[in-house]
Protein backbone atom coordinates (compact mmCIF):
# COMPACT_ATOMS: atom_id res chain seq x y z
CA MET A 1 -64.80 -10.73 15.58
CA PRO A 2 -63.69 -12.83 12.31
CA LEU A 3 -64.74 -16.54 12.15
CA GLN A 4 -61.95 -18.92 11.95
CA THR A 5 -62.27 -22.07 9.64
CA SER A 6 -59.40 -23.84 9.82
CA ALA A 7 -56.66 -24.52 12.67
CA THR A 8 -53.58 -22.00 13.02
CA GLU A 9 -50.41 -23.24 11.36
CA GLU A 10 -47.35 -22.85 13.59
CA PRO A 11 -44.72 -21.18 12.08
CA THR A 12 -41.61 -23.41 11.17
CA LEU A 13 -37.83 -22.50 10.71
CA ASN A 14 -36.60 -22.45 6.98
CA LEU A 15 -33.05 -24.24 7.52
CA THR A 16 -32.53 -24.14 3.80
CA PRO A 17 -30.52 -20.64 3.53
CA MET A 18 -28.58 -21.53 6.55
CA ILE A 19 -27.37 -24.96 5.34
CA ASP A 20 -26.16 -23.01 1.86
CA VAL A 21 -24.40 -20.65 3.93
CA ILE A 22 -22.35 -23.40 5.90
CA LEU A 23 -21.68 -25.56 3.02
CA THR A 24 -20.33 -22.71 0.90
CA LEU A 25 -18.13 -22.09 4.20
CA VAL A 26 -16.96 -25.72 4.09
CA ILE A 27 -16.05 -25.55 0.60
CA PHE A 28 -14.29 -22.21 0.93
CA PHE A 29 -11.98 -23.75 3.84
CA MET A 30 -11.24 -26.94 1.91
CA VAL A 31 -9.89 -24.70 -0.64
CA ALA A 32 -7.92 -22.73 1.83
CA THR A 33 -6.36 -25.76 3.40
CA LYS A 34 -5.37 -27.05 0.04
CA PHE A 35 -3.06 -24.24 -0.36
CA THR A 36 -1.55 -24.60 2.95
CA ASP A 37 -0.67 -28.26 2.11
CA GLU A 38 1.00 -27.30 -1.03
CA GLU A 39 3.34 -24.92 0.69
CA LYS A 40 4.22 -27.73 3.36
CA ALA A 41 4.99 -29.96 0.69
CA MET A 42 7.39 -27.68 -1.06
CA GLY A 43 9.96 -28.57 1.95
CA VAL A 44 11.21 -24.97 2.18
CA LYS A 45 12.43 -24.39 5.65
CA VAL A 46 12.15 -20.70 6.71
CA PRO A 47 15.10 -19.35 8.67
CA SER A 48 14.08 -17.85 12.08
CA VAL A 49 16.00 -14.63 13.41
CA SER A 50 16.61 -13.95 17.14
CA SER A 51 14.91 -10.82 17.26
CA GLN A 52 12.36 -8.66 15.23
CA GLY A 53 15.03 -5.80 14.49
CA ALA A 54 17.00 -8.10 12.34
CA VAL A 55 14.22 -7.94 9.71
CA THR A 56 14.20 -4.93 7.43
CA ALA A 57 10.52 -3.49 6.82
CA ALA A 58 10.20 -1.25 3.99
CA PRO A 59 10.58 2.56 4.91
CA GLU A 60 7.87 5.29 4.32
CA PRO A 61 8.73 6.61 1.22
CA LYS A 62 10.96 9.73 1.26
CA VAL A 63 8.98 13.23 0.60
CA VAL A 64 10.49 15.69 -1.37
CA ASN A 65 8.81 19.52 -1.19
CA VAL A 66 9.37 21.63 -4.12
CA PHE A 67 8.38 25.29 -3.64
CA ALA A 68 7.17 27.95 -6.23
CA ASP A 69 10.27 29.84 -5.73
CA GLY A 70 12.50 26.52 -6.60
CA ARG A 71 13.54 25.50 -3.14
CA ILE A 72 13.78 21.87 -2.34
CA LEU A 73 13.09 20.17 1.01
CA LEU A 74 13.84 16.29 1.55
CA GLY A 75 11.44 15.58 4.55
CA THR A 76 12.14 18.76 6.49
CA GLN A 77 15.75 19.69 5.52
CA PRO A 78 16.54 22.01 2.90
CA VAL A 79 18.80 20.49 0.16
CA SER A 80 20.22 21.35 -3.31
CA LEU A 81 19.86 19.19 -6.20
CA ASP A 82 23.24 17.53 -5.72
CA ASP A 83 22.52 17.12 -1.76
CA LEU A 84 19.02 15.41 -2.61
CA THR A 85 20.68 12.81 -5.06
CA GLN A 86 23.40 11.98 -2.61
CA GLN A 87 20.91 11.41 0.37
CA LEU A 88 18.62 9.43 -1.89
CA GLU A 89 21.47 7.25 -2.87
CA ALA A 90 22.48 6.57 0.78
CA ALA A 91 18.81 5.96 1.75
CA ARG A 92 18.53 3.53 -1.18
CA GLY A 93 21.88 1.82 0.00
CA GLN A 94 19.84 1.03 2.88
CA TYR A 95 16.92 -0.34 1.37
CA HIS A 96 17.13 -1.22 -2.48
CA LYS A 97 13.28 -0.54 -3.21
CA LEU A 98 13.08 2.87 -1.74
CA SER A 99 10.15 4.96 -3.16
CA VAL A 100 10.03 9.03 -3.16
CA LEU A 101 6.88 11.16 -3.25
CA VAL A 102 7.41 14.55 -4.73
CA ARG A 103 5.12 17.57 -3.74
CA GLY A 104 5.41 20.40 -6.01
CA ASP A 105 3.88 23.59 -5.61
CA LYS A 106 1.46 24.21 -8.55
CA ASN A 107 3.32 27.42 -9.53
CA THR A 108 6.61 25.47 -9.73
CA THR A 109 8.15 25.52 -13.21
CA HIS A 110 8.09 22.36 -15.17
CA GLY A 111 11.98 22.54 -15.67
CA ARG A 112 12.36 22.65 -11.70
CA MET A 113 10.16 19.68 -11.53
CA THR A 114 12.17 17.86 -14.04
CA GLU A 115 15.39 18.38 -12.57
CA VAL A 116 14.05 16.83 -9.07
CA TYR A 117 12.66 13.85 -11.08
CA ASP A 118 16.28 13.56 -12.80
CA ALA A 119 17.98 13.66 -9.38
CA CYS A 120 15.75 10.81 -8.26
CA ARG A 121 16.91 8.82 -11.35
CA ARG A 122 20.25 9.54 -10.91
CA ALA A 123 20.05 8.16 -7.28
CA GLY A 124 18.76 5.08 -8.66
CA VAL A 125 15.14 5.36 -7.32
CA THR A 126 12.81 3.87 -9.61
CA GLU A 127 9.57 4.13 -7.71
CA VAL A 128 8.65 8.05 -7.74
CA ALA A 129 5.05 9.46 -7.16
CA ILE A 130 3.82 12.86 -7.54
CA SER A 131 1.34 14.17 -5.01
CA VAL A 132 -2.08 15.87 -6.33
CA LYS A 133 -5.23 16.88 -4.94
CA VAL A 134 -8.38 14.97 -6.13
CA GLY A 135 -11.39 17.26 -6.93
CA ALA A 136 -9.69 20.48 -6.59
CA LYS A 137 -10.87 23.30 -8.85
CA GLN A 138 -8.13 24.54 -11.23
CA ARG A 139 -7.65 28.29 -11.40
C-alpha cells in the first residue's frame, strides 16, 4: 500500500472554455440581429398573398434525353428539334429562368448534341447543363 504524504485535491470544474463559447455565441447573435435591424430600417412593406399557390416557385429543370440513334425525349415524350424548341419556349413563358438538363448518350454524335443545344438557345433558355458520370472509366 503506497504512502500518502499530502491531502488529496478535490477535482474542480474549469469554466474557461464554456465562458469562451458563450461569449462567442453572444457576439454572433449580436451581429446577426444587427442585420435584422438594417432590414427593418429600410421601410419596405412586403405584400402578402391569400394562398401559397400565388407564389411561383422555380420548377425542376426540364430533362432532355438524346439517344445514340438521334432520338430526343423531353421528359418522357419523344419530340423533334422543332417541337423541343416550341415546348421549351412555352415552358419558359411560364417561368423566365427555366433550366434544362441535357443527358446525351456517349455514342451520340457531336452534331446531334449541338442541334439540341441550339434548340435550347432558340427557345431562349440560358441555363443549360449536361449530365455526366463522375469517376466512370472511359472506354
